Amino acid sequence: MNLRWPAGDDDIQWIFYEILLDDRYRLDRLRGRPIRSVLDVGAHIGLFTLAARDAFPDAVIHAYEPNRQLEAPLKHHAAQVGATHHIEALGAVEGRVSLRHFGPSSGQTLTQRDEHGDVNQVTFRQALERLGGKADLVKLDCEFAEWPLFEDAEAWHNVNHLVMEYHVHPRHAPVRDVDGVRRVVESLGFTTIDTVVEHAQSGYLYARRG
């Protein structure tokens, strides 16, 4: 596999280890299940897309990333495994957004509504429609942007498995801890399989429908 990533981003090696070597999203546990469609939200440079292709050789994979600075490596990695990439944000409504960087890593960005923004935003429902109307697996790692996506509860009925890095903060999230995250996810009809608390404001959650 020919990998590419932005120069000067010290977090890339850690992200590579977490996703491709440590299997942070636990794709090995889903191997052999009927995963035919995958939605990668917050794709960054596409490392999860690469892992998903390895785990699910026949799946249709769509990857979304709003940071235009990451388009070249994401496009490169998606093309290698036959995935479709979108340099777009996902949100509660259609429109334009701009990005605000809040840390040194290329993945540390927040989207904000901006009619003059240079990034297009589509809804979670639209992303599912592009994928054929449903997703057997959704991966979320979108720096607080997961919360507006959960507002369309009906759309989530078309998702079978969810793996996510959650983020909680008094100013950016409607809940304060992992228990709150679990309640929101379960209100959408999922059963929480496991949670991992990494920091006071972030961690991982794994869930399946029913």
N, C-alpha and C. Protein backbone atom coordinates (compact mmCIF):
# COMPACT_ATOMS: atom_id res chain seq x y z
N MET A 1 0.84 -1.19 0.00
CA MET A 1 0.00 0.00 0.00
C MET A 1 0.88 1.24 0.00
N ASN A 2 0.62 2.15 -0.92
CA ASN A 2 1.37 3.40 -1.04
C ASN A 2 0.67 4.48 -0.23
N LEU A 3 1.23 4.82 0.94
CA LEU A 3 0.59 5.77 1.83
C LEU A 3 1.15 7.17 1.65
N ARG A 4 0.27 8.17 1.82
CA ARG A 4 0.67 9.57 1.76
C ARG A 4 0.01 10.31 2.92
N TRP A 5 0.72 11.31 3.45
CA TRP A 5 0.11 12.16 4.46
C TRP A 5 0.81 13.51 4.49
N PRO A 6 0.15 14.50 5.08
CA PRO A 6 0.73 15.85 5.10
C PRO A 6 2.03 15.90 5.90
N ALA A 7 2.99 16.62 5.38
CA ALA A 7 4.25 16.77 6.09
C ALA A 7 4.05 17.64 7.33
N GLY A 8 4.79 17.33 8.36
CA GLY A 8 4.77 18.16 9.55
C GLY A 8 3.66 17.89 10.53
N ASP A 9 2.83 16.88 10.27
CA ASP A 9 1.75 16.53 11.21
C ASP A 9 2.23 15.37 12.07
N ASP A 10 2.61 15.68 13.29
CA ASP A 10 3.20 14.67 14.17
C ASP A 10 2.20 13.62 14.63
N ASP A 11 0.90 13.90 14.49
CA ASP A 11 -0.11 12.97 14.97
C ASP A 11 -0.40 11.84 13.98
N ILE A 12 0.11 11.96 12.75
CA ILE A 12 -0.23 10.98 11.72
C ILE A 12 0.24 9.58 12.12
N GLN A 13 1.44 9.46 12.65
CA GLN A 13 1.94 8.14 13.03
C GLN A 13 1.06 7.52 14.12
N TRP A 14 0.62 8.34 15.06
CA TRP A 14 -0.26 7.84 16.11
C TRP A 14 -1.59 7.40 15.53
N ILE A 15 -2.15 8.18 14.61
CA ILE A 15 -3.42 7.82 13.98
C ILE A 15 -3.26 6.53 13.18
N PHE A 16 -2.14 6.39 12.48
CA PHE A 16 -1.86 5.17 11.72
C PHE A 16 -1.86 3.97 12.66
N TYR A 17 -1.17 4.10 13.78
CA TYR A 17 -1.11 2.99 14.73
C TYR A 17 -2.50 2.67 15.27
N GLU A 18 -3.22 3.69 15.69
CA GLU A 18 -4.53 3.48 16.31
C GLU A 18 -5.50 2.78 15.37
N ILE A 19 -5.56 3.20 14.12
CA ILE A 19 -6.57 2.69 13.20
C ILE A 19 -6.13 1.39 12.52
N LEU A 20 -4.92 1.37 11.98
CA LEU A 20 -4.51 0.23 11.15
C LEU A 20 -3.82 -0.88 11.94
N LEU A 21 -3.16 -0.56 13.01
CA LEU A 21 -2.44 -1.60 13.76
C LEU A 21 -3.18 -2.02 15.03
N ASP A 22 -3.71 -1.04 15.76
CA ASP A 22 -4.39 -1.36 17.02
C ASP A 22 -5.88 -1.66 16.82
N ASP A 23 -6.40 -1.42 15.63
CA ASP A 23 -7.82 -1.67 15.32
C ASP A 23 -8.73 -0.98 16.33
N ARG A 24 -8.51 0.31 16.50
CA ARG A 24 -9.27 1.08 17.48
C ARG A 24 -10.78 0.99 17.24
N TYR A 25 -11.19 0.87 15.99
CA TYR A 25 -12.63 0.81 15.70
C TYR A 25 -13.17 -0.62 15.67
N ARG A 26 -12.33 -1.59 16.02
CA ARG A 26 -12.73 -2.98 16.21
C ARG A 26 -13.41 -3.59 14.98
N LEU A 27 -12.82 -3.35 13.84
CA LEU A 27 -13.38 -3.91 12.61
C LEU A 27 -13.23 -5.42 12.56
N ASP A 28 -12.21 -5.96 13.22
CA ASP A 28 -12.02 -7.41 13.21
C ASP A 28 -13.25 -8.13 13.77
N ARG A 29 -13.95 -7.50 14.69
CA ARG A 29 -15.13 -8.13 15.29
C ARG A 29 -16.31 -8.16 14.33
N LEU A 30 -16.23 -7.36 13.26
CA LEU A 30 -17.32 -7.31 12.29
C LEU A 30 -17.02 -8.11 11.03
N ARG A 31 -15.81 -8.62 10.92
CA ARG A 31 -15.46 -9.43 9.74
C ARG A 31 -16.40 -10.63 9.65
N GLY A 32 -16.82 -10.94 8.44
CA GLY A 32 -17.72 -12.07 8.23
C GLY A 32 -19.18 -11.70 8.33
N ARG A 33 -19.49 -10.50 8.84
CA ARG A 33 -20.87 -10.05 8.90
C ARG A 33 -21.23 -9.37 7.57
N PRO A 34 -22.51 -9.26 7.28
CA PRO A 34 -22.92 -8.69 5.99
C PRO A 34 -22.77 -7.17 5.96
N ILE A 35 -21.54 -6.69 5.90
CA ILE A 35 -21.25 -5.25 5.80
C ILE A 35 -21.04 -4.93 4.33
N ARG A 36 -22.06 -4.37 3.72
CA ARG A 36 -22.00 -4.09 2.27
C ARG A 36 -21.88 -2.60 1.97
N SER A 37 -22.07 -1.76 2.99
CA SER A 37 -21.96 -0.32 2.78
C SER A 37 -21.38 0.32 4.04
N VAL A 38 -20.42 1.22 3.83
CA VAL A 38 -19.70 1.86 4.93
C VAL A 38 -19.67 3.36 4.70
N LEU A 39 -20.01 4.12 5.74
CA LEU A 39 -19.94 5.57 5.70
C LEU A 39 -18.88 6.04 6.70
N ASP A 40 -17.84 6.65 6.18
CA ASP A 40 -16.71 7.12 6.99
C ASP A 40 -16.85 8.64 7.14
N VAL A 41 -17.26 9.09 8.31
CA VAL A 41 -17.50 10.52 8.56
C VAL A 41 -16.36 11.07 9.39
N GLY A 42 -15.65 12.01 8.82
CA GLY A 42 -14.42 12.51 9.44
C GLY A 42 -13.28 11.62 8.99
N ALA A 43 -13.13 11.51 7.67
CA ALA A 43 -12.22 10.52 7.09
C ALA A 43 -10.75 10.88 7.24
N HIS A 44 -10.44 12.16 7.47
CA HIS A 44 -9.05 12.62 7.57
C HIS A 44 -8.33 12.25 6.27
N ILE A 45 -7.26 11.47 6.33
CA ILE A 45 -6.55 11.11 5.10
C ILE A 45 -6.98 9.74 4.57
N GLY A 46 -7.97 9.14 5.20
CA GLY A 46 -8.51 7.90 4.67
C GLY A 46 -7.98 6.62 5.27
N LEU A 47 -7.37 6.67 6.44
CA LEU A 47 -6.82 5.45 7.02
C LEU A 47 -7.93 4.48 7.45
N PHE A 48 -9.04 5.01 7.99
CA PHE A 48 -10.14 4.11 8.31
C PHE A 48 -10.73 3.50 7.05
N THR A 49 -10.79 4.27 5.98
CA THR A 49 -11.29 3.75 4.70
C THR A 49 -10.42 2.58 4.24
N LEU A 50 -9.11 2.69 4.40
CA LEU A 50 -8.22 1.59 4.05
C LEU A 50 -8.50 0.37 4.92
N ALA A 51 -8.68 0.58 6.22
CA ALA A 51 -8.96 -0.53 7.13
C ALA A 51 -10.30 -1.18 6.81
N ALA A 52 -11.29 -0.35 6.46
CA ALA A 52 -12.62 -0.89 6.13
C ALA A 52 -12.57 -1.72 4.85
N ARG A 53 -11.79 -1.29 3.89
CA ARG A 53 -11.69 -2.08 2.66
C ARG A 53 -11.04 -3.44 2.94
N ASP A 54 -10.03 -3.46 3.80
CA ASP A 54 -9.39 -4.72 4.15
C ASP A 54 -10.37 -5.65 4.86
N ALA A 55 -11.20 -5.09 5.73
CA ALA A 55 -12.14 -5.91 6.50
C ALA A 55 -13.35 -6.34 5.68
N PHE A 56 -13.77 -5.47 4.74
CA PHE A 56 -15.00 -5.72 3.97
C PHE A 56 -14.70 -5.52 2.49
N PRO A 57 -14.11 -6.53 1.84
CA PRO A 57 -13.62 -6.37 0.46
C PRO A 57 -14.68 -5.97 -0.55
N ASP A 58 -15.93 -6.32 -0.31
CA ASP A 58 -16.97 -6.06 -1.31
C ASP A 58 -17.86 -4.86 -0.98
N ALA A 59 -17.56 -4.16 0.09
CA ALA A 59 -18.44 -3.07 0.52
C ALA A 59 -18.27 -1.83 -0.35
N VAL A 60 -19.36 -1.08 -0.47
CA VAL A 60 -19.31 0.27 -1.04
C VAL A 60 -18.94 1.21 0.10
N ILE A 61 -17.90 2.01 -0.10
CA ILE A 61 -17.39 2.88 0.96
C ILE A 61 -17.40 4.33 0.49
N HIS A 62 -18.04 5.20 1.28
CA HIS A 62 -18.02 6.64 1.03
C HIS A 62 -17.34 7.32 2.21
N ALA A 63 -16.38 8.19 1.92
CA ALA A 63 -15.60 8.87 2.95
C ALA A 63 -15.81 10.38 2.84
N TYR A 64 -16.12 11.02 3.98
CA TYR A 64 -16.37 12.47 4.02
C TYR A 64 -15.34 13.16 4.90
N GLU A 65 -14.76 14.23 4.36
CA GLU A 65 -13.77 15.02 5.10
C GLU A 65 -13.88 16.48 4.63
N PRO A 66 -14.12 17.42 5.55
CA PRO A 66 -14.29 18.81 5.13
C PRO A 66 -13.00 19.60 4.96
N ASN A 67 -11.88 19.09 5.45
CA ASN A 67 -10.62 19.83 5.40
C ASN A 67 -9.97 19.67 4.03
N ARG A 68 -10.02 20.73 3.24
CA ARG A 68 -9.47 20.67 1.88
C ARG A 68 -7.97 20.40 1.86
N GLN A 69 -7.28 20.71 2.93
CA GLN A 69 -5.84 20.46 2.98
C GLN A 69 -5.53 18.97 2.97
N LEU A 70 -6.53 18.15 3.26
CA LEU A 70 -6.34 16.70 3.29
C LEU A 70 -6.86 16.01 2.04
N GLU A 71 -7.32 16.79 1.08
CA GLU A 71 -7.94 16.18 -0.10
C GLU A 71 -6.98 15.29 -0.88
N ALA A 72 -5.75 15.73 -1.09
CA ALA A 72 -4.82 14.94 -1.92
C ALA A 72 -4.55 13.56 -1.32
N PRO A 73 -4.17 13.44 -0.05
CA PRO A 73 -3.95 12.09 0.48
C PRO A 73 -5.23 11.28 0.60
N LEU A 74 -6.36 11.92 0.93
CA LEU A 74 -7.61 11.17 1.00
C LEU A 74 -8.00 10.63 -0.37
N LYS A 75 -7.90 11.46 -1.38
CA LYS A 75 -8.22 11.03 -2.74
C LYS A 75 -7.31 9.88 -3.16
N HIS A 76 -6.04 10.00 -2.83
CA HIS A 76 -5.06 8.97 -3.18
C HIS A 76 -5.42 7.63 -2.53
N HIS A 77 -5.70 7.65 -1.24
CA HIS A 77 -6.00 6.40 -0.53
C HIS A 77 -7.35 5.82 -0.95
N ALA A 78 -8.34 6.68 -1.15
CA ALA A 78 -9.65 6.19 -1.58
C ALA A 78 -9.56 5.52 -2.94
N ALA A 79 -8.80 6.13 -3.84
CA ALA A 79 -8.68 5.57 -5.19
C ALA A 79 -8.00 4.20 -5.16
N GLN A 80 -7.06 4.00 -4.26
CA GLN A 80 -6.35 2.73 -4.20
C GLN A 80 -7.27 1.57 -3.84
N VAL A 81 -8.34 1.87 -3.09
CA VAL A 81 -9.20 0.78 -2.63
C VAL A 81 -10.62 0.87 -3.20
N GLY A 82 -10.80 1.72 -4.21
CA GLY A 82 -12.10 1.79 -4.87
C GLY A 82 -13.19 2.42 -4.03
N ALA A 83 -12.82 3.36 -3.14
CA ALA A 83 -13.80 4.07 -2.33
C ALA A 83 -14.09 5.43 -2.96
N THR A 84 -15.20 6.02 -2.57
CA THR A 84 -15.59 7.34 -3.05
C THR A 84 -15.33 8.36 -1.95
N HIS A 85 -14.62 9.43 -2.27
CA HIS A 85 -14.35 10.46 -1.26
C HIS A 85 -15.13 11.73 -1.58
N HIS A 86 -15.52 12.44 -0.53
CA HIS A 86 -16.25 13.69 -0.65
C HIS A 86 -15.56 14.72 0.24
N ILE A 87 -15.13 15.84 -0.34
CA ILE A 87 -14.59 16.92 0.47
C ILE A 87 -15.76 17.81 0.85
N GLU A 88 -16.51 17.31 1.82
CA GLU A 88 -17.71 17.97 2.30
C GLU A 88 -17.87 17.70 3.80
N ALA A 89 -18.60 18.58 4.44
CA ALA A 89 -18.96 18.37 5.84
C ALA A 89 -20.34 17.74 5.89
N LEU A 90 -20.64 17.06 7.00
CA LEU A 90 -21.98 16.57 7.27
C LEU A 90 -22.55 17.36 8.44
N GLY A 91 -23.81 17.74 8.32
CA GLY A 91 -24.44 18.52 9.37
C GLY A 91 -25.94 18.31 9.38
N ALA A 92 -26.63 19.10 10.18
CA ALA A 92 -28.07 18.98 10.31
C ALA A 92 -28.80 19.52 9.09
N VAL A 93 -28.19 20.51 8.41
CA VAL A 93 -28.82 21.14 7.26
C VAL A 93 -27.80 21.33 6.15
N GLU A 94 -28.30 21.51 4.93
CA GLU A 94 -27.43 21.83 3.81
C GLU A 94 -26.94 23.27 3.94
N GLY A 95 -25.80 23.55 3.33
CA GLY A 95 -25.30 24.92 3.33
C GLY A 95 -23.80 24.97 3.14
N ARG A 96 -23.24 26.07 3.55
CA ARG A 96 -21.80 26.27 3.48
C ARG A 96 -21.25 26.41 4.88
N VAL A 97 -20.03 25.93 5.07
CA VAL A 97 -19.36 26.05 6.36
C VAL A 97 -17.92 26.47 6.15
N SER A 98 -17.33 26.97 7.21
CA SER A 98 -15.90 27.22 7.24
C SER A 98 -15.30 26.39 8.36
N LEU A 99 -14.01 26.22 8.32
CA LEU A 99 -13.32 25.41 9.33
C LEU A 99 -12.52 26.30 10.26
N ARG A 100 -12.51 25.90 11.53
CA ARG A 100 -11.68 26.58 12.52
C ARG A 100 -10.76 25.55 13.14
N HIS A 101 -9.46 25.78 13.04
CA HIS A 101 -8.47 24.87 13.63
C HIS A 101 -8.32 25.19 15.11
N PHE A 102 -8.33 24.16 15.95
CA PHE A 102 -8.18 24.40 17.37
C PHE A 102 -6.98 23.66 17.97
N GLY A 103 -6.12 23.13 17.12
CA GLY A 103 -4.93 22.44 17.60
C GLY A 103 -3.95 22.26 16.47
N PRO A 104 -2.77 21.72 16.77
CA PRO A 104 -1.73 21.57 15.75
C PRO A 104 -1.98 20.45 14.75
N SER A 105 -2.81 19.48 15.11
CA SER A 105 -3.06 18.35 14.21
C SER A 105 -4.01 18.74 13.10
N SER A 106 -3.83 18.16 11.92
CA SER A 106 -4.70 18.44 10.78
C SER A 106 -6.11 17.93 11.01
N GLY A 107 -6.30 17.07 12.01
CA GLY A 107 -7.63 16.56 12.32
C GLY A 107 -8.38 17.40 13.33
N GLN A 108 -7.75 18.40 13.90
CA GLN A 108 -8.36 19.20 14.95
C GLN A 108 -9.02 20.45 14.35
N THR A 109 -10.18 20.24 13.77
CA THR A 109 -10.93 21.32 13.15
C THR A 109 -12.39 21.25 13.56
N LEU A 110 -13.02 22.41 13.66
CA LEU A 110 -14.44 22.52 13.92
C LEU A 110 -15.11 23.19 12.73
N THR A 111 -16.29 22.72 12.36
CA THR A 111 -17.05 23.37 11.29
C THR A 111 -18.01 24.38 11.91
N GLN A 112 -18.23 25.48 11.20
CA GLN A 112 -19.20 26.47 11.65
C GLN A 112 -19.94 27.01 10.43
N ARG A 113 -21.26 27.20 10.60
CA ARG A 113 -22.07 27.70 9.51
C ARG A 113 -21.54 29.05 9.03
N ASP A 114 -21.42 29.19 7.71
CA ASP A 114 -20.86 30.41 7.14
C ASP A 114 -21.30 30.47 5.68
N GLU A 115 -22.20 31.38 5.36
CA GLU A 115 -22.72 31.44 3.99
C GLU A 115 -21.63 31.73 2.98
N HIS A 116 -20.51 32.26 3.44
CA HIS A 116 -19.38 32.53 2.55
C HIS A 116 -18.28 31.48 2.70
N GLY A 117 -18.55 30.43 3.44
CA GLY A 117 -17.54 29.40 3.66
C GLY A 117 -17.17 28.66 2.39
N ASP A 118 -15.99 28.10 2.36
CA ASP A 118 -15.50 27.44 1.15
C ASP A 118 -15.75 25.93 1.15
N VAL A 119 -16.53 25.43 2.13
CA VAL A 119 -16.80 23.99 2.22
C VAL A 119 -18.30 23.76 2.15
N ASN A 120 -18.70 22.83 1.31
CA ASN A 120 -20.11 22.47 1.20
C ASN A 120 -20.49 21.51 2.33
N GLN A 121 -21.70 21.67 2.85
CA GLN A 121 -22.21 20.76 3.87
C GLN A 121 -23.49 20.10 3.38
N VAL A 122 -23.56 18.78 3.55
CA VAL A 122 -24.77 18.03 3.23
C VAL A 122 -25.27 17.37 4.51
N THR A 123 -26.48 16.86 4.47
CA THR A 123 -27.04 16.24 5.66
C THR A 123 -26.66 14.77 5.73
N PHE A 124 -26.81 14.22 6.92
CA PHE A 124 -26.56 12.79 7.12
C PHE A 124 -27.49 11.97 6.24
N ARG A 125 -28.73 12.39 6.12
CA ARG A 125 -29.69 11.68 5.27
C ARG A 125 -29.24 11.67 3.81
N GLN A 126 -28.72 12.79 3.33
CA GLN A 126 -28.23 12.85 1.95
C GLN A 126 -27.05 11.91 1.75
N ALA A 127 -26.17 11.85 2.73
CA ALA A 127 -25.02 10.94 2.62
C ALA A 127 -25.49 9.50 2.54
N LEU A 128 -26.51 9.13 3.30
CA LEU A 128 -27.06 7.78 3.22
C LEU A 128 -27.69 7.53 1.86
N GLU A 129 -28.40 8.51 1.33
CA GLU A 129 -29.03 8.35 0.02
C GLU A 129 -27.98 8.12 -1.06
N ARG A 130 -26.88 8.82 -0.98
CA ARG A 130 -25.80 8.61 -1.95
C ARG A 130 -25.23 7.20 -1.86
N LEU A 131 -25.34 6.62 -0.69
CA LEU A 131 -24.80 5.29 -0.44
C LEU A 131 -25.80 4.19 -0.77
N GLY A 132 -27.00 4.60 -1.20
CA GLY A 132 -28.02 3.62 -1.55
C GLY A 132 -29.17 3.57 -0.57
N GLY A 133 -29.19 4.52 0.39
CA GLY A 133 -30.30 4.60 1.32
C GLY A 133 -30.04 4.04 2.70
N LYS A 134 -28.93 3.32 2.87
CA LYS A 134 -28.61 2.74 4.17
C LYS A 134 -27.11 2.55 4.30
N ALA A 135 -26.67 2.34 5.53
CA ALA A 135 -25.27 2.03 5.79
C ALA A 135 -25.21 0.89 6.79
N ASP A 136 -24.55 -0.17 6.42
CA ASP A 136 -24.36 -1.27 7.36
C ASP A 136 -23.43 -0.86 8.49
N LEU A 137 -22.50 0.07 8.21
CA LEU A 137 -21.56 0.53 9.21
C LEU A 137 -21.31 2.02 9.03
N VAL A 138 -21.44 2.77 10.11
CA VAL A 138 -21.07 4.19 10.13
C VAL A 138 -19.95 4.38 11.14
N LYS A 139 -18.90 5.04 10.71
CA LYS A 139 -17.82 5.45 11.60
C LYS A 139 -17.87 6.97 11.73
N LEU A 140 -17.87 7.46 12.96
CA LEU A 140 -17.89 8.89 13.23
C LEU A 140 -16.64 9.30 13.99
N ASP A 141 -15.95 10.29 13.47
CA ASP A 141 -14.88 10.97 14.21
C ASP A 141 -14.81 12.38 13.63
N CYS A 142 -15.71 13.24 14.10
CA CYS A 142 -15.87 14.53 13.43
C CYS A 142 -15.91 15.72 14.40
N GLU A 143 -15.21 15.59 15.52
CA GLU A 143 -14.92 16.73 16.40
C GLU A 143 -16.17 17.55 16.74
N PHE A 144 -17.09 16.93 17.47
CA PHE A 144 -18.33 17.54 17.94
C PHE A 144 -19.41 17.64 16.86
N ALA A 145 -19.09 17.43 15.61
CA ALA A 145 -20.10 17.50 14.55
C ALA A 145 -21.02 16.29 14.56
N GLU A 146 -20.73 15.29 15.41
CA GLU A 146 -21.62 14.14 15.49
C GLU A 146 -22.98 14.52 16.07
N TRP A 147 -23.02 15.54 16.93
CA TRP A 147 -24.26 15.84 17.64
C TRP A 147 -25.38 16.35 16.72
N PRO A 148 -25.12 17.26 15.78
CA PRO A 148 -26.19 17.64 14.85
C PRO A 148 -26.67 16.46 13.99
N LEU A 149 -25.79 15.52 13.70
CA LEU A 149 -26.19 14.38 12.88
C LEU A 149 -27.22 13.52 13.59
N PHE A 150 -27.14 13.44 14.89
CA PHE A 150 -28.07 12.60 15.66
C PHE A 150 -29.48 13.19 15.71
N GLU A 151 -29.65 14.42 15.26
CA GLU A 151 -30.97 15.04 15.31
C GLU A 151 -31.96 14.38 14.35
N ASP A 152 -31.45 13.78 13.28
CA ASP A 152 -32.32 13.09 12.32
C ASP A 152 -32.46 11.63 12.73
N ALA A 153 -33.28 11.38 13.75
CA ALA A 153 -33.41 10.03 14.30
C ALA A 153 -33.91 9.04 13.26
N GLU A 154 -34.80 9.47 12.40
CA GLU A 154 -35.36 8.56 11.40
C GLU A 154 -34.28 8.04 10.46
N ALA A 155 -33.36 8.91 10.07
CA ALA A 155 -32.29 8.48 9.16
C ALA A 155 -31.44 7.40 9.79
N TRP A 156 -31.23 7.48 11.11
CA TRP A 156 -30.39 6.50 11.78
C TRP A 156 -31.01 5.11 11.84
N HIS A 157 -32.30 5.01 11.55
CA HIS A 157 -32.93 3.68 11.48
C HIS A 157 -32.38 2.86 10.32
N ASN A 158 -31.66 3.52 9.41
CA ASN A 158 -31.07 2.85 8.25
C ASN A 158 -29.60 2.53 8.45
N VAL A 159 -29.16 2.51 9.70
CA VAL A 159 -27.78 2.18 10.04
C VAL A 159 -27.78 0.96 10.96
N ASN A 160 -26.94 -0.01 10.67
CA ASN A 160 -26.90 -1.25 11.46
C ASN A 160 -25.82 -1.28 12.53
N HIS A 161 -24.66 -0.71 12.24
CA HIS A 161 -23.55 -0.71 13.19
C HIS A 161 -22.96 0.70 13.27
N LEU A 162 -22.57 1.09 14.46
CA LEU A 162 -21.97 2.40 14.68
C LEU A 162 -20.69 2.25 15.49
N VAL A 163 -19.60 2.82 15.00
CA VAL A 163 -18.36 2.93 15.76
C VAL A 163 -17.98 4.41 15.75
N MET A 164 -17.67 4.96 16.90
CA MET A 164 -17.45 6.40 16.93
C MET A 164 -16.45 6.82 17.99
N GLU A 165 -15.75 7.89 17.70
CA GLU A 165 -15.04 8.64 18.72
C GLU A 165 -15.96 9.77 19.14
N TYR A 166 -16.39 9.75 20.38
CA TYR A 166 -17.31 10.79 20.83
C TYR A 166 -16.54 11.94 21.46
N HIS A 167 -17.19 13.10 21.48
CA HIS A 167 -16.60 14.30 22.07
C HIS A 167 -17.66 15.00 22.90
N VAL A 168 -17.32 15.34 24.13
CA VAL A 168 -18.25 16.06 25.00
C VAL A 168 -17.55 17.31 25.55
N HIS A 169 -18.31 18.38 25.62
CA HIS A 169 -17.80 19.65 26.13
C HIS A 169 -19.00 20.54 26.41
N PRO A 170 -18.99 21.29 27.51
CA PRO A 170 -20.16 22.12 27.83
C PRO A 170 -20.60 23.07 26.73
N ARG A 171 -19.66 23.54 25.91
CA ARG A 171 -20.03 24.51 24.87
C ARG A 171 -20.41 23.87 23.55
N HIS A 172 -20.04 22.60 23.34
CA HIS A 172 -20.20 22.01 22.01
C HIS A 172 -21.07 20.76 21.96
N ALA A 173 -21.45 20.22 23.10
CA ALA A 173 -22.19 18.96 23.10
C ALA A 173 -23.36 19.04 24.08
N PRO A 174 -24.46 18.32 23.78
CA PRO A 174 -25.63 18.35 24.65
C PRO A 174 -25.51 17.46 25.88
N VAL A 175 -24.45 16.67 25.97
CA VAL A 175 -24.24 15.78 27.12
C VAL A 175 -22.87 16.05 27.71
N ARG A 176 -22.64 15.52 28.91
CA ARG A 176 -21.41 15.85 29.63
C ARG A 176 -20.46 14.68 29.82
N ASP A 177 -20.94 13.46 29.59
CA ASP A 177 -20.08 12.30 29.86
C ASP A 177 -20.50 11.13 29.00
N VAL A 178 -19.79 10.02 29.15
CA VAL A 178 -20.03 8.85 28.32
C VAL A 178 -21.43 8.28 28.54
N ASP A 179 -21.96 8.40 29.75
CA ASP A 179 -23.32 7.92 29.99
C ASP A 179 -24.33 8.70 29.16
N GLY A 180 -24.10 9.99 29.02
CA GLY A 180 -24.97 10.80 28.18
C GLY A 180 -24.87 10.41 26.72
N VAL A 181 -23.65 10.12 26.27
CA VAL A 181 -23.46 9.67 24.89
C VAL A 181 -24.23 8.37 24.66
N ARG A 182 -24.11 7.46 25.60
CA ARG A 182 -24.79 6.17 25.49
C ARG A 182 -26.31 6.36 25.39
N ARG A 183 -26.85 7.26 26.21
CA ARG A 183 -28.30 7.48 26.18
C ARG A 183 -28.76 8.02 24.83
N VAL A 184 -28.00 8.93 24.26
CA VAL A 184 -28.36 9.48 22.96
C VAL A 184 -28.33 8.39 21.89
N VAL A 185 -27.27 7.60 21.86
CA VAL A 185 -27.14 6.54 20.86
C VAL A 185 -28.25 5.50 21.02
N GLU A 186 -28.56 5.14 22.24
CA GLU A 186 -29.59 4.13 22.47
C GLU A 186 -30.98 4.66 22.17
N SER A 187 -31.17 5.98 22.26
CA SER A 187 -32.46 6.56 21.89
C SER A 187 -32.72 6.44 20.39
N LEU A 188 -31.66 6.20 19.61
CA LEU A 188 -31.79 6.02 18.17
C LEU A 188 -32.04 4.56 17.79
N GLY A 189 -32.17 3.69 18.77
CA GLY A 189 -32.48 2.29 18.53
C GLY A 189 -31.28 1.36 18.53
N PHE A 190 -30.13 1.87 18.99
CA PHE A 190 -28.93 1.04 19.04
C PHE A 190 -28.78 0.40 20.43
N THR A 191 -28.05 -0.68 20.45
CA THR A 191 -27.60 -1.29 21.69
C THR A 191 -26.11 -1.03 21.83
N THR A 192 -25.70 -0.44 22.92
CA THR A 192 -24.27 -0.18 23.13
C THR A 192 -23.56 -1.48 23.46
N ILE A 193 -22.51 -1.77 22.71
CA ILE A 193 -21.71 -2.97 22.94
C ILE A 193 -20.60 -2.69 23.94
N ASP A 194 -19.97 -1.53 23.82
CA ASP A 194 -18.86 -1.20 24.71
C ASP A 194 -18.56 0.28 24.59
N THR A 195 -17.92 0.82 25.62
CA THR A 195 -17.42 2.18 25.58
C THR A 195 -16.01 2.19 26.15
N VAL A 196 -15.20 3.11 25.67
CA VAL A 196 -13.84 3.30 26.17
C VAL A 196 -13.66 4.78 26.45
N VAL A 197 -13.43 5.14 27.69
CA VAL A 197 -13.19 6.53 28.06
C VAL A 197 -11.70 6.80 27.98
N GLU A 198 -11.30 7.67 27.06
CA GLU A 198 -9.88 7.99 26.91
C GLU A 198 -9.50 9.24 27.70
N HIS A 199 -10.35 10.25 27.64
CA HIS A 199 -10.13 11.50 28.36
C HIS A 199 -11.48 11.97 28.89
N ALA A 200 -11.46 13.02 29.69
CA ALA A 200 -12.70 13.52 30.26
C ALA A 200 -13.68 13.95 29.19
N GLN A 201 -13.17 14.36 28.02
CA GLN A 201 -14.04 14.90 26.97
C GLN A 201 -14.08 14.04 25.71
N SER A 202 -13.50 12.87 25.73
CA SER A 202 -13.54 12.05 24.52
C SER A 202 -13.32 10.57 24.84
N GLY A 203 -13.73 9.74 23.91
CA GLY A 203 -13.58 8.30 24.05
C GLY A 203 -14.22 7.62 22.86
N TYR A 204 -14.47 6.32 22.99
CA TYR A 204 -15.02 5.55 21.88
C TYR A 204 -16.27 4.80 22.32
N LEU A 205 -17.19 4.65 21.38
CA LEU A 205 -18.42 3.88 21.62
C LEU A 205 -18.66 2.96 20.45
N TYR A 206 -19.12 1.74 20.76
CA TYR A 206 -19.40 0.72 19.75
C TYR A 206 -20.83 0.24 19.96
N ALA A 207 -21.63 0.25 18.89
CA ALA A 207 -23.05 -0.10 19.04
C ALA A 207 -23.56 -0.82 17.80
N ARG A 208 -24.65 -1.54 17.98
CA ARG A 208 -25.33 -2.19 16.87
C ARG A 208 -26.83 -1.97 17.00
N ARG A 209 -27.53 -2.08 15.91
CA ARG A 209 -28.97 -1.85 15.94
C ARG A 209 -29.66 -3.02 16.63
N GLY A 210 -30.62 -2.67 17.48
CA GLY A 210 -31.42 -3.69 18.14
C GLY A 210 -30.80 -4.21 19.41
